Amino acid sequence: MERDERSRTAKRVIWGSFLIALGSAFLLDHLHIVDLPSLGSLWPAVFFVIAVGHVAEGRLGSALTFLLLGVWFFACEFDWYGLDYSNSWPLVLIAIGAGIVVRALGGEPRRRERKGGES
């Protein structure tokens, strides 16, 4: 029960910090102190926040999956190395597979099993 409360607190701190950083970035852009790309191209940052939340919960396999997905989405949005959604979709399979392997090797319980065991 205590671990569950710590996990919820950690998630709140992470999401709150993300919103503070996002709001600060928008304010600095509005004041012309920094020049941000359009909001539409920054949406993959949400995957990094989710990954940090999973790290805080000790779910490293899930964190790796979300981290790699965030990198993939950024690569497609900003055309890194000519990657786009149509030619780089196999990277999604690699990201998901890497997360599954890390979860299995690390003994990370599946979400359903964790919730069922805490009741």
Protein backbone atom coordinates (compact mmCIF):
# COMPACT_ATOMS: atom_id res chain seq x y z
CA MET A 1 0.00 0.00 0.00
CA GLU A 2 2.82 2.41 0.90
CA ARG A 3 4.64 1.59 -2.35
CA ASP A 4 1.45 2.31 -4.30
CA GLU A 5 1.16 5.74 -2.66
CA ARG A 6 4.84 6.51 -3.40
CA SER A 7 4.25 5.51 -7.01
CA ARG A 8 1.26 7.84 -7.28
CA THR A 9 3.23 10.68 -5.70
CA ALA A 10 6.13 10.10 -8.10
CA LYS A 11 3.75 10.16 -11.08
CA ARG A 12 2.24 13.43 -9.91
CA VAL A 13 5.68 14.99 -9.45
CA ILE A 14 6.75 13.84 -12.92
CA TRP A 15 3.62 15.09 -14.69
CA GLY A 16 3.64 18.34 -12.70
CA SER A 17 7.29 18.93 -13.57
CA PHE A 18 6.54 18.21 -17.22
CA LEU A 19 3.74 20.77 -17.25
CA ILE A 20 5.97 23.36 -15.52
CA ALA A 21 8.71 22.76 -18.11
CA LEU A 22 6.22 22.90 -20.98
CA GLY A 23 4.64 26.09 -19.69
CA SER A 24 8.07 27.67 -19.14
CA ALA A 25 9.13 26.77 -22.68
CA PHE A 26 5.95 28.30 -24.12
CA LEU A 27 6.46 31.45 -22.04
CA LEU A 28 10.08 31.79 -23.19
CA ASP A 29 8.95 31.29 -26.79
CA HIS A 30 6.22 33.91 -26.36
CA LEU A 31 8.78 36.37 -24.94
CA HIS A 32 11.08 35.61 -27.92
CA ILE A 33 13.85 34.38 -25.64
CA VAL A 34 13.90 30.98 -27.34
CA ASP A 35 12.49 29.85 -30.67
CA LEU A 36 10.56 26.60 -30.33
CA PRO A 37 9.47 24.45 -33.23
CA SER A 38 5.73 24.19 -33.73
CA LEU A 39 3.78 22.43 -31.00
CA GLY A 40 2.60 19.85 -33.49
CA SER A 41 6.12 18.48 -33.88
CA LEU A 42 6.87 18.32 -30.13
CA TRP A 43 4.06 15.92 -29.15
CA PRO A 44 6.41 12.88 -28.91
CA ALA A 45 7.86 14.41 -25.72
CA VAL A 46 4.87 12.90 -23.92
CA PHE A 47 6.44 9.46 -24.48
CA PHE A 48 9.54 10.57 -22.56
CA VAL A 49 7.41 11.71 -19.63
CA ILE A 50 5.61 8.36 -19.63
CA ALA A 51 9.01 6.61 -19.71
CA VAL A 52 10.19 8.59 -16.68
CA GLY A 53 6.99 7.62 -14.86
CA HIS A 54 7.68 3.95 -15.57
CA VAL A 55 11.25 4.31 -14.29
CA ALA A 56 9.87 5.81 -11.08
CA GLU A 57 7.64 2.72 -10.74
CA GLY A 58 10.58 0.39 -11.37
CA ARG A 59 9.14 -0.78 -14.69
CA LEU A 60 12.31 -0.54 -16.77
CA GLY A 61 11.07 -2.64 -19.70
CA SER A 62 8.04 -0.43 -20.16
CA ALA A 63 10.21 2.66 -19.76
CA LEU A 64 12.55 1.44 -22.50
CA THR A 65 9.62 0.81 -24.84
CA PHE A 66 8.21 4.32 -24.34
CA LEU A 67 11.65 5.92 -24.61
CA LEU A 68 12.37 4.17 -27.92
CA LEU A 69 8.90 4.99 -29.25
CA GLY A 70 9.45 8.66 -28.35
CA VAL A 71 12.77 8.67 -30.20
CA TRP A 72 11.12 7.02 -33.21
CA PHE A 73 8.29 9.56 -33.30
CA PHE A 74 10.79 12.44 -33.05
CA ALA A 75 12.88 10.89 -35.84
CA CYS A 76 9.80 10.73 -38.07
CA GLU A 77 8.59 14.23 -37.14
CA PHE A 78 11.99 15.86 -37.80
CA ASP A 79 13.00 13.62 -40.72
CA TRP A 80 16.18 12.34 -39.05
CA TYR A 81 18.28 10.36 -41.53
CA GLY A 82 15.37 10.35 -43.98
CA LEU A 83 13.13 8.39 -41.60
CA ASP A 84 9.38 8.74 -41.89
CA TYR A 85 6.42 6.67 -40.78
CA SER A 86 6.27 4.62 -43.96
CA ASN A 87 9.92 3.55 -44.11
CA SER A 88 10.79 3.16 -40.43
CA TRP A 89 7.85 1.25 -38.93
CA PRO A 90 10.05 -1.83 -38.25
CA LEU A 91 11.73 0.27 -35.55
CA VAL A 92 8.44 0.12 -33.61
CA LEU A 93 8.68 -3.68 -33.58
CA ILE A 94 12.25 -3.40 -32.31
CA ALA A 95 11.19 -0.97 -29.54
CA ILE A 96 8.36 -3.20 -28.38
CA GLY A 97 10.54 -6.32 -28.56
CA ALA A 98 13.33 -4.65 -26.57
CA GLY A 99 10.85 -3.70 -23.85
CA ILE A 100 9.48 -7.24 -23.71
CA VAL A 101 12.98 -8.72 -23.39
CA VAL A 102 13.97 -6.28 -20.62
CA ARG A 103 10.71 -7.00 -18.76
CA ALA A 104 11.27 -10.75 -19.03
CA LEU A 105 14.93 -10.66 -17.99
CA GLY A 106 14.28 -8.22 -15.18
CA GLY A 107 11.39 -10.23 -13.78
CA GLU A 108 9.02 -7.30 -14.18
CA PRO A 109 5.46 -8.48 -13.49
CA ARG A 110 2.75 -7.85 -16.05
CA ARG A 111 0.42 -5.01 -15.17
CA ARG A 112 -2.56 -7.32 -14.57
CA GLU A 113 -0.58 -9.53 -12.20
CA ARG A 114 0.72 -6.54 -10.21
CA LYS A 115 -2.72 -5.05 -9.67
CA GLY A 116 -4.28 -8.39 -8.80
CA GLY A 117 -1.59 -9.14 -6.24
CA GLU A 118 -1.98 -5.82 -4.43
CA SER A 119 -5.69 -6.18 -3.66
